[in-house]
Every structure is written in C-alpha cells, then in structure tokens.
N, C-alpha and C. Protein backbone atom coordinates (compact mmCIF):
# COMPACT_ATOMS: atom_id res chain seq x y z
N UNK A 1 -2.58 11.73 -25.83
CA UNK A 1 -3.09 11.31 -24.44
C UNK A 1 -3.87 9.96 -24.91
N UNK A 2 -3.76 9.00 -23.93
CA UNK A 2 -4.61 7.89 -24.08
C UNK A 2 -5.80 8.07 -23.20
N UNK A 3 -6.94 7.36 -23.43
CA UNK A 3 -8.06 7.24 -22.43
C UNK A 3 -8.27 5.81 -22.06
N UNK A 4 -8.91 5.72 -20.95
CA UNK A 4 -9.38 4.56 -20.34
C UNK A 4 -10.41 4.55 -19.32
N UNK A 5 -10.35 3.29 -18.53
CA UNK A 5 -11.15 3.19 -17.34
C UNK A 5 -10.51 2.65 -16.51
N UNK A 6 -10.74 3.36 -15.03
CA UNK A 6 -10.04 2.91 -13.86
C UNK A 6 -10.61 1.43 -13.39
N UNK A 7 -9.95 0.38 -13.43
CA UNK A 7 -10.28 -0.91 -13.03
C UNK A 7 -10.32 -1.04 -11.70
N UNK A 8 -9.30 -0.52 -10.92
CA UNK A 8 -9.04 -0.74 -9.42
C UNK A 8 -8.30 0.49 -9.18
N UNK A 9 -8.77 0.91 -8.07
CA UNK A 9 -7.90 1.95 -7.17
C UNK A 9 -8.04 2.05 -5.74
N UNK A 10 -6.75 1.74 -5.06
CA UNK A 10 -6.85 1.68 -3.63
C UNK A 10 -6.26 3.04 -3.31
N UNK A 11 -6.96 3.82 -2.76
CA UNK A 11 -6.57 5.26 -2.21
C UNK A 11 -5.68 5.29 -1.20
N UNK A 12 -5.98 4.39 -0.12
CA UNK A 12 -5.28 4.12 0.94
C UNK A 12 -3.80 3.72 0.83
N UNK A 13 -3.60 2.88 -0.31
CA UNK A 13 -2.19 2.24 -0.53
C UNK A 13 -1.76 3.29 -1.72
N UNK A 14 -2.48 4.14 -2.47
CA UNK A 14 -1.93 4.84 -3.62
C UNK A 14 -1.53 4.33 -4.92
N UNK A 15 -2.28 3.45 -5.30
CA UNK A 15 -2.01 2.60 -6.46
C UNK A 15 -3.38 2.00 -6.95
N UNK A 16 -3.10 1.62 -8.46
CA UNK A 16 -4.34 1.03 -9.14
C UNK A 16 -3.87 0.65 -10.45
N UNK A 17 -4.96 0.36 -11.25
CA UNK A 17 -4.67 0.04 -12.72
C UNK A 17 -6.01 0.56 -13.64
N UNK A 18 -5.30 1.02 -14.71
CA UNK A 18 -6.40 1.65 -15.87
C UNK A 18 -6.44 0.73 -17.01
N UNK A 19 -7.60 0.46 -17.53
CA UNK A 19 -7.68 -0.37 -18.70
C UNK A 19 -7.92 0.54 -19.85
N UNK A 20 -6.70 0.50 -20.71
CA UNK A 20 -6.81 1.49 -22.02
C UNK A 20 -8.10 1.01 -22.96
N UNK A 21 -8.39 2.25 -23.53
CA UNK A 21 -9.57 2.01 -24.63
C UNK A 21 -8.96 1.35 -25.83
N UNK A 22 -7.71 1.68 -26.00
CA UNK A 22 -7.14 0.85 -27.38
C UNK A 22 -6.93 -0.41 -27.37
N UNK A 23 -7.19 -1.04 -26.22
CA UNK A 23 -7.08 -2.61 -26.07
C UNK A 23 -5.62 -3.00 -25.95
N UNK A 24 -4.69 -1.96 -25.40
CA UNK A 24 -3.51 -2.40 -25.27
C UNK A 24 -2.94 -2.99 -23.99
N UNK A 25 -4.26 -3.09 -23.05
CA UNK A 25 -3.95 -3.71 -21.80
C UNK A 25 -4.11 -2.86 -20.63
N UNK A 26 -3.67 -3.33 -19.50
CA UNK A 26 -3.79 -2.63 -18.30
C UNK A 26 -2.44 -1.79 -18.02
N UNK A 27 -2.50 -0.56 -17.25
CA UNK A 27 -1.37 0.24 -17.07
C UNK A 27 -1.45 0.57 -15.62
N UNK A 28 -0.35 0.41 -14.90
CA UNK A 28 -0.15 0.77 -13.50
C UNK A 28 -0.34 2.11 -13.25
N UNK A 29 -1.00 2.59 -12.19
CA UNK A 29 -1.06 4.01 -11.78
C UNK A 29 -0.75 4.09 -10.45
N UNK A 30 0.09 5.23 -9.98
CA UNK A 30 0.48 5.47 -8.52
C UNK A 30 0.06 6.80 -8.43
N UNK A 31 -0.37 7.08 -7.16
CA UNK A 31 -0.81 8.39 -6.64
C UNK A 31 0.09 9.78 -7.11
N UNK A 32 1.28 9.46 -7.28
CA UNK A 32 2.22 10.39 -7.69
C UNK A 32 1.98 10.93 -9.12
N UNK A 33 1.31 10.12 -9.86
CA UNK A 33 0.82 10.55 -11.30
C UNK A 33 -0.40 10.88 -11.57
N UNK A 34 -1.30 11.27 -10.18
CA UNK A 34 -2.56 11.98 -10.48
C UNK A 34 -2.48 13.34 -10.38
N UNK A 35 -3.50 13.84 -11.21
CA UNK A 35 -3.92 15.38 -11.18
C UNK A 35 -5.00 15.58 -10.23
N UNK A 36 -5.91 14.67 -9.98
CA UNK A 36 -6.88 14.70 -9.04
C UNK A 36 -7.18 13.30 -8.67
N UNK A 37 -8.21 13.14 -7.61
CA UNK A 37 -8.56 11.98 -7.12
C UNK A 37 -9.32 11.22 -8.21
N UNK A 38 -9.11 9.87 -8.28
CA UNK A 38 -9.78 9.04 -9.10
C UNK A 38 -10.43 7.89 -8.25
N UNK A 39 -11.39 7.13 -8.70
CA UNK A 39 -11.91 5.98 -8.14
C UNK A 39 -12.50 4.84 -9.24
N UNK A 40 -12.70 3.79 -8.65
CA UNK A 40 -12.97 2.71 -9.67
C UNK A 40 -14.15 3.21 -10.72
N UNK A 41 -13.97 2.70 -12.00
CA UNK A 41 -14.96 2.90 -13.02
C UNK A 41 -15.00 4.40 -13.35
N UNK A 42 -14.02 5.28 -12.84
CA UNK A 42 -13.88 6.51 -13.53
C UNK A 42 -13.38 6.57 -14.91
N UNK A 43 -13.88 7.40 -15.95
CA UNK A 43 -13.19 7.48 -17.38
C UNK A 43 -12.04 8.46 -17.08
N UNK A 44 -10.82 8.11 -17.67
CA UNK A 44 -9.57 9.01 -17.35
C UNK A 44 -8.93 9.18 -18.75
N UNK A 45 -7.93 10.16 -18.62
CA UNK A 45 -7.09 10.34 -19.81
C UNK A 45 -5.83 10.39 -19.06
N UNK A 46 -4.69 10.15 -19.74
CA UNK A 46 -3.54 9.77 -19.07
C UNK A 46 -2.38 9.62 -20.26
N UNK A 47 -1.07 9.81 -19.66
CA UNK A 47 0.20 9.49 -20.41
C UNK A 47 0.88 8.43 -19.97
N UNK A 48 1.68 7.83 -20.82
CA UNK A 48 2.38 6.64 -20.53
C UNK A 48 3.76 6.83 -20.33
N UNK A 49 4.42 6.79 -19.34
CA UNK A 49 5.94 6.59 -19.14
C UNK A 49 6.68 5.39 -18.63
N UNK A 50 7.74 5.16 -19.11
CA UNK A 50 8.43 3.98 -18.57
C UNK A 50 8.94 4.04 -17.07
N UNK A 51 8.77 3.08 -16.30
CA UNK A 51 9.21 3.12 -15.04
C UNK A 51 10.27 1.94 -14.88
N UNK A 52 11.01 1.70 -13.85
CA UNK A 52 11.88 0.55 -13.73
C UNK A 52 11.29 -0.67 -13.49
N UNK A 53 9.82 -0.42 -13.38
CA UNK A 53 9.01 -1.54 -13.35
C UNK A 53 7.94 -1.96 -14.42
N UNK A 54 8.33 -1.02 -15.33
CA UNK A 54 7.32 -1.13 -16.58
C UNK A 54 6.41 0.20 -16.77
N UNK A 55 5.58 -0.01 -17.76
CA UNK A 55 4.75 1.37 -18.02
C UNK A 55 3.94 1.79 -16.86
N UNK A 56 3.82 2.95 -16.70
CA UNK A 56 3.00 3.82 -15.49
C UNK A 56 2.25 4.73 -16.11
N UNK A 57 1.22 5.00 -15.68
CA UNK A 57 0.31 6.03 -16.17
C UNK A 57 0.71 7.31 -15.35
N UNK A 58 0.76 8.47 -16.11
CA UNK A 58 1.16 9.94 -15.61
C UNK A 58 0.15 10.93 -16.09
N UNK A 59 0.11 12.08 -15.31
CA UNK A 59 -0.77 13.14 -15.87
C UNK A 59 -1.93 12.53 -15.65
N UNK A 60 -2.56 11.87 -14.97
CA UNK A 60 -3.93 11.35 -14.93
C UNK A 60 -5.08 12.24 -14.47
N UNK A 61 -6.00 12.34 -15.40
CA UNK A 61 -7.28 13.32 -15.11
C UNK A 61 -8.55 12.67 -15.56
N UNK A 62 -9.53 13.04 -14.75
CA UNK A 62 -10.70 12.44 -15.12
C UNK A 62 -11.43 12.99 -16.40
N UNK A 63 -12.15 12.48 -17.13
CA UNK A 63 -12.91 12.96 -18.20
C UNK A 63 -14.19 13.33 -17.86
N UNK A 64 -14.63 14.43 -17.97
CA UNK A 64 -15.87 15.01 -17.79
C UNK A 64 -17.07 14.47 -18.78
N UNK A 65 -17.98 13.82 -18.33
CA UNK A 65 -19.06 13.59 -19.27
C UNK A 65 -20.17 14.28 -19.31
C-alpha cells in the first residue's frame, strides 16, 4: 500500500487528489474509492488502479496518528 497526504478533496463533488510520499506525484481520488471520509491534509494509505483516465487511488483509508 502507498501512503500520502490529501492535497485537495471536494466532498460535494466527490473527488480530489493525494500527493504520494514516494515522490511519484499526485493521484486522483474519487468518492467511490474511499473507505471513510477524508479531508485536506489527512494522512492516508491507498492502492492505485488504472482507470480509463489514468491512475486512481482506491481502498483509501486514513492513517491514525
């Protein structure tokens, strides 16, 4: 599983972006890929799947600190 930080998430529109800790860039996240609610600056763990529009985060969960 990858880890990262939520750069942006719009709950009303149901999408956002996560910045990966491994410096591989940003990955798109859609509400359908969430295991729980997320917000900007949350630390998360996730998996990446290919979608027709490119890489997408799925199975996204907050990392408890």
